Structure formats: C-alpha cells, structure tokens
Amino acid sequence: MAVPKRKMSRSNTRTRRSQWKATTPDLVTVHIRGREYRVPRNLVRAYQRGLIPLPE
C-alpha cells in the first residue's frame, strides 16, 4: 500500500478533494401505467416493480 512520506497540508488536501465532481444521473423515459416518467437509468427496474414511489 502506498504511504505518503510527508504530511500533506490542509490547503493541498482540500484542493485535491475539490476536483471530484458529481455528475447528474442520466434520465431515461419509462412508461408505467400508461404515463411517461423520466427516471435515472439504474432505478428503472425498481420503479417498474413498484419498489420506489413514482415521481410526480
């Protein structure tokens, strides 16, 4: 396992962490009970099975 030789300063740590960006989920159109819904791709099955309440 890689171990740093020296302590990293707080400003350097926060600068490095700030580079991670969250991406918006890609929405797909799904037809449930005759209506169209835009839901995240990874949750389509859960919405179809009724495990998650449908978005309004």
N, C-alpha and C. Protein backbone atom coordinates (compact mmCIF):
# COMPACT_ATOMS: atom_id res chain seq x y z
N MET A 1 0.84 -1.18 0.00
CA MET A 1 0.00 0.00 0.00
C MET A 1 0.88 1.25 0.00
N ALA A 2 0.50 2.22 -0.79
CA ALA A 2 1.28 3.45 -0.87
C ALA A 2 1.05 4.30 0.38
N VAL A 3 2.16 4.78 0.94
CA VAL A 3 2.09 5.61 2.14
C VAL A 3 2.83 6.91 1.84
N PRO A 4 2.22 8.07 2.10
CA PRO A 4 2.91 9.32 1.83
C PRO A 4 4.12 9.50 2.75
N LYS A 5 5.19 10.07 2.21
CA LYS A 5 6.40 10.29 3.01
C LYS A 5 6.24 11.47 3.96
N ARG A 6 5.44 12.44 3.56
CA ARG A 6 5.28 13.64 4.37
C ARG A 6 3.80 13.96 4.55
N LYS A 7 3.52 14.72 5.59
CA LYS A 7 2.16 15.16 5.83
C LYS A 7 1.74 16.16 4.75
N MET A 8 0.53 16.00 4.24
CA MET A 8 0.02 16.92 3.23
C MET A 8 -0.72 18.06 3.93
N SER A 9 -0.46 19.27 3.50
CA SER A 9 -1.07 20.43 4.15
C SER A 9 -2.58 20.42 3.93
N ARG A 10 -3.27 21.13 4.78
CA ARG A 10 -4.73 21.20 4.71
C ARG A 10 -5.18 21.81 3.39
N SER A 11 -4.51 22.86 2.94
CA SER A 11 -4.92 23.52 1.69
C SER A 11 -4.72 22.58 0.49
N ASN A 12 -3.63 21.84 0.49
CA ASN A 12 -3.40 20.90 -0.61
C ASN A 12 -4.43 19.78 -0.60
N THR A 13 -4.77 19.30 0.59
CA THR A 13 -5.76 18.23 0.70
C THR A 13 -7.11 18.70 0.17
N ARG A 14 -7.52 19.88 0.58
CA ARG A 14 -8.83 20.39 0.16
C ARG A 14 -8.86 20.70 -1.32
N THR A 15 -7.75 21.17 -1.88
CA THR A 15 -7.68 21.44 -3.31
C THR A 15 -7.83 20.14 -4.09
N ARG A 16 -7.17 19.10 -3.63
CA ARG A 16 -7.24 17.81 -4.30
C ARG A 16 -8.66 17.25 -4.23
N ARG A 17 -9.27 17.34 -3.08
CA ARG A 17 -10.62 16.79 -2.91
C ARG A 17 -11.65 17.56 -3.73
N SER A 18 -11.42 18.83 -3.94
CA SER A 18 -12.42 19.64 -4.64
C SER A 18 -12.49 19.32 -6.13
N GLN A 19 -11.53 18.55 -6.63
CA GLN A 19 -11.53 18.21 -8.05
C GLN A 19 -12.54 17.12 -8.37
N TRP A 20 -13.03 16.40 -7.39
CA TRP A 20 -14.02 15.35 -7.63
C TRP A 20 -15.38 16.01 -7.86
N LYS A 21 -15.96 15.76 -8.99
CA LYS A 21 -17.23 16.38 -9.35
C LYS A 21 -18.32 15.31 -9.43
N ALA A 22 -19.46 15.62 -8.89
CA ALA A 22 -20.61 14.73 -9.02
C ALA A 22 -21.26 14.96 -10.37
N THR A 23 -21.68 13.89 -11.01
CA THR A 23 -22.34 14.01 -12.31
C THR A 23 -23.84 13.79 -12.13
N THR A 24 -24.63 14.49 -12.91
CA THR A 24 -26.07 14.32 -12.83
C THR A 24 -26.44 12.97 -13.44
N PRO A 25 -27.41 12.27 -12.86
CA PRO A 25 -27.78 10.97 -13.40
C PRO A 25 -28.44 11.11 -14.76
N ASP A 26 -28.13 10.19 -15.66
CA ASP A 26 -28.75 10.24 -16.98
C ASP A 26 -30.17 9.68 -16.87
N LEU A 27 -31.14 10.50 -17.24
CA LEU A 27 -32.54 10.13 -17.11
C LEU A 27 -33.03 9.46 -18.39
N VAL A 28 -33.84 8.43 -18.23
CA VAL A 28 -34.44 7.74 -19.37
C VAL A 28 -35.95 7.81 -19.22
N THR A 29 -36.64 7.74 -20.33
CA THR A 29 -38.11 7.77 -20.32
C THR A 29 -38.62 6.36 -20.16
N VAL A 30 -39.51 6.17 -19.20
CA VAL A 30 -40.10 4.85 -18.96
C VAL A 30 -41.62 5.02 -18.89
N HIS A 31 -42.35 4.06 -19.44
CA HIS A 31 -43.81 4.09 -19.44
C HIS A 31 -44.32 3.14 -18.36
N ILE A 32 -45.02 3.71 -17.38
CA ILE A 32 -45.59 2.92 -16.29
C ILE A 32 -47.05 3.31 -16.13
N ARG A 33 -47.92 2.33 -16.21
CA ARG A 33 -49.37 2.54 -16.09
C ARG A 33 -49.88 3.60 -17.06
N GLY A 34 -49.37 3.59 -18.27
CA GLY A 34 -49.85 4.49 -19.31
C GLY A 34 -49.33 5.92 -19.22
N ARG A 35 -48.41 6.17 -18.33
CA ARG A 35 -47.84 7.52 -18.22
C ARG A 35 -46.35 7.47 -18.44
N GLU A 36 -45.80 8.60 -18.88
CA GLU A 36 -44.36 8.70 -19.11
C GLU A 36 -43.68 9.32 -17.89
N TYR A 37 -42.57 8.73 -17.49
CA TYR A 37 -41.77 9.26 -16.39
C TYR A 37 -40.32 9.30 -16.82
N ARG A 38 -39.59 10.30 -16.31
CA ARG A 38 -38.14 10.39 -16.55
C ARG A 38 -37.47 9.99 -15.24
N VAL A 39 -36.79 8.85 -15.27
CA VAL A 39 -36.17 8.31 -14.07
C VAL A 39 -34.71 7.96 -14.36
N PRO A 40 -33.86 7.91 -13.33
CA PRO A 40 -32.47 7.50 -13.54
C PRO A 40 -32.39 6.09 -14.09
N ARG A 41 -31.43 5.86 -14.96
CA ARG A 41 -31.29 4.58 -15.65
C ARG A 41 -31.14 3.41 -14.68
N ASN A 42 -30.37 3.61 -13.60
CA ASN A 42 -30.12 2.49 -12.69
C ASN A 42 -31.31 2.16 -11.80
N LEU A 43 -32.37 2.99 -11.80
CA LEU A 43 -33.54 2.73 -10.96
C LEU A 43 -34.78 2.33 -11.74
N VAL A 44 -34.65 2.10 -13.05
CA VAL A 44 -35.81 1.78 -13.88
C VAL A 44 -36.51 0.53 -13.38
N ARG A 45 -35.75 -0.53 -13.11
CA ARG A 45 -36.36 -1.78 -12.64
C ARG A 45 -37.13 -1.59 -11.34
N ALA A 46 -36.59 -0.82 -10.41
CA ALA A 46 -37.24 -0.60 -9.12
C ALA A 46 -38.56 0.15 -9.30
N TYR A 47 -38.58 1.13 -10.20
CA TYR A 47 -39.82 1.86 -10.46
C TYR A 47 -40.86 0.95 -11.12
N GLN A 48 -40.43 0.11 -12.05
CA GLN A 48 -41.36 -0.78 -12.74
C GLN A 48 -41.97 -1.81 -11.79
N ARG A 49 -41.19 -2.26 -10.83
CA ARG A 49 -41.69 -3.26 -9.88
C ARG A 49 -42.47 -2.64 -8.73
N GLY A 50 -42.45 -1.31 -8.62
CA GLY A 50 -43.21 -0.64 -7.57
C GLY A 50 -42.46 -0.56 -6.25
N LEU A 51 -41.16 -0.76 -6.26
CA LEU A 51 -40.39 -0.69 -5.02
C LEU A 51 -40.14 0.75 -4.57
N ILE A 52 -40.17 1.69 -5.52
CA ILE A 52 -39.97 3.10 -5.23
C ILE A 52 -41.21 3.86 -5.70
N PRO A 53 -41.74 4.78 -4.90
CA PRO A 53 -42.91 5.55 -5.35
C PRO A 53 -42.56 6.37 -6.59
N LEU A 54 -43.49 6.47 -7.51
CA LEU A 54 -43.27 7.17 -8.76
C LEU A 54 -43.13 8.69 -8.54
N PRO A 55 -42.23 9.33 -9.29
CA PRO A 55 -42.09 10.79 -9.16
C PRO A 55 -43.32 11.49 -9.71
N GLU A 56 -43.65 12.61 -9.13
CA GLU A 56 -44.83 13.37 -9.59
C GLU A 56 -44.48 14.34 -10.67
